Amino acid sequence: MTKPPYQPIACGLHETYQLAAMRQAVVDLSWRTDEDLLQRTRVVVEDVFTEAQAEYLRVKTQAGDRYVIRLDRIVEARWADTGQPLLG
């Protein structure tokens, strides 16, 4: 399956992901996998980085699984402690 071209996200939202990474924040995250399946889980945000002209979030689940998620594939992100959406 060919990935669609990366669609940049709003700068404010990108900065919020960076803040979450700096704080190692716990976030309830929903995203679409490469197979276009909806994945939902609580994660610790570890890093935001750019690679091959796309931006990614590196996260770890409570079970220790790690994922690298392209930012434009994220459907919803909420602060786990308040339930409030991450807004840019």
Protein backbone atom coordinates (compact mmCIF):
# COMPACT_ATOMS: atom_id res chain seq x y z
CA MET A 1 0.00 0.00 0.00
CA THR A 2 1.39 3.39 -1.02
CA LYS A 3 1.25 6.07 1.63
CA PRO A 4 -0.45 9.31 0.59
CA PRO A 5 1.76 12.42 0.56
CA TYR A 6 2.27 14.00 3.96
CA GLN A 7 -0.21 16.75 4.80
CA PRO A 8 1.41 19.28 7.19
CA ILE A 9 -0.46 19.91 10.44
CA ALA A 10 -1.07 23.29 12.07
CA CYS A 11 2.04 24.82 13.65
CA GLY A 12 0.26 25.30 16.99
CA LEU A 13 -0.68 21.63 17.15
CA HIS A 14 2.89 20.63 16.26
CA GLU A 15 4.14 22.81 19.15
CA THR A 16 1.64 21.10 21.49
CA TYR A 17 3.04 17.70 20.49
CA GLN A 18 6.54 19.04 21.22
CA LEU A 19 5.39 20.22 24.66
CA ALA A 20 3.86 16.80 25.32
CA ALA A 21 7.19 15.18 24.38
CA MET A 22 9.18 17.51 26.64
CA ARG A 23 6.87 16.63 29.53
CA GLN A 24 6.72 12.93 28.60
CA ALA A 25 2.95 13.49 28.84
CA VAL A 26 0.36 10.73 28.90
CA VAL A 27 -2.10 11.13 26.02
CA ASP A 28 -5.11 9.18 24.78
CA LEU A 29 -4.34 8.84 21.10
CA SER A 30 -6.33 7.66 18.07
CA TRP A 31 -4.67 7.27 14.68
CA ARG A 32 -4.97 5.48 11.36
CA THR A 33 -2.41 2.75 10.66
CA ASP A 34 -0.76 2.26 7.27
CA GLU A 35 -3.51 -0.30 6.61
CA ASP A 36 -6.08 2.45 7.41
CA LEU A 37 -7.24 0.72 10.62
CA LEU A 38 -8.19 2.91 13.57
CA GLN A 39 -5.86 2.37 16.54
CA ARG A 40 -6.65 3.80 19.99
CA THR A 41 -4.47 3.61 23.06
CA ARG A 42 -3.05 5.56 25.98
CA VAL A 43 0.58 6.49 25.34
CA VAL A 44 3.51 8.43 26.72
CA VAL A 45 4.73 10.93 24.14
CA GLU A 46 8.49 10.45 23.78
CA ASP A 47 9.54 12.52 20.77
CA VAL A 48 8.47 14.54 17.74
CA PHE A 49 10.77 14.35 14.72
CA THR A 50 10.99 14.92 10.99
CA GLU A 51 12.11 12.30 8.51
CA ALA A 52 11.75 12.01 4.73
CA GLN A 53 9.71 15.23 4.50
CA ALA A 54 7.12 14.10 7.06
CA GLU A 55 6.65 14.67 10.80
CA TYR A 56 6.25 11.85 13.31
CA LEU A 57 5.39 11.18 16.93
CA ARG A 58 7.28 8.47 18.83
CA VAL A 59 5.16 7.03 21.65
CA LYS A 60 5.22 4.20 24.17
CA THR A 61 2.21 2.35 25.58
CA GLN A 62 1.78 1.33 29.20
CA ALA A 63 2.59 -2.24 28.08
CA GLY A 64 5.93 -1.02 26.68
CA ASP A 65 5.04 -1.21 22.98
CA ARG A 66 6.50 1.61 20.89
CA TYR A 67 4.94 3.21 17.84
CA VAL A 68 6.06 5.82 15.34
CA ILE A 69 3.02 7.66 14.01
CA ARG A 70 2.94 10.14 11.17
CA LEU A 71 1.32 13.32 12.53
CA ASP A 72 -1.19 13.63 9.70
CA ARG A 73 -2.50 10.13 10.55
CA ILE A 74 -3.55 11.18 14.07
CA VAL A 75 -7.34 11.39 14.34
CA GLU A 76 -7.62 12.56 17.95
CA ALA A 77 -5.32 13.30 20.87
CA ARG A 78 -6.48 14.10 24.42
CA TRP A 79 -4.57 14.80 27.61
CA ALA A 80 -5.11 11.67 29.70
CA ASP A 81 -5.35 13.56 32.99
CA THR A 82 -8.10 15.98 31.91
CA GLY A 83 -9.66 14.43 28.82
CA GLN A 84 -9.23 17.75 27.04
CA PRO A 85 -8.13 17.70 23.39
CA LEU A 86 -4.63 18.76 22.47
CA LEU A 87 -5.11 22.02 20.64
CA GLY A 88 -2.69 24.07 18.64
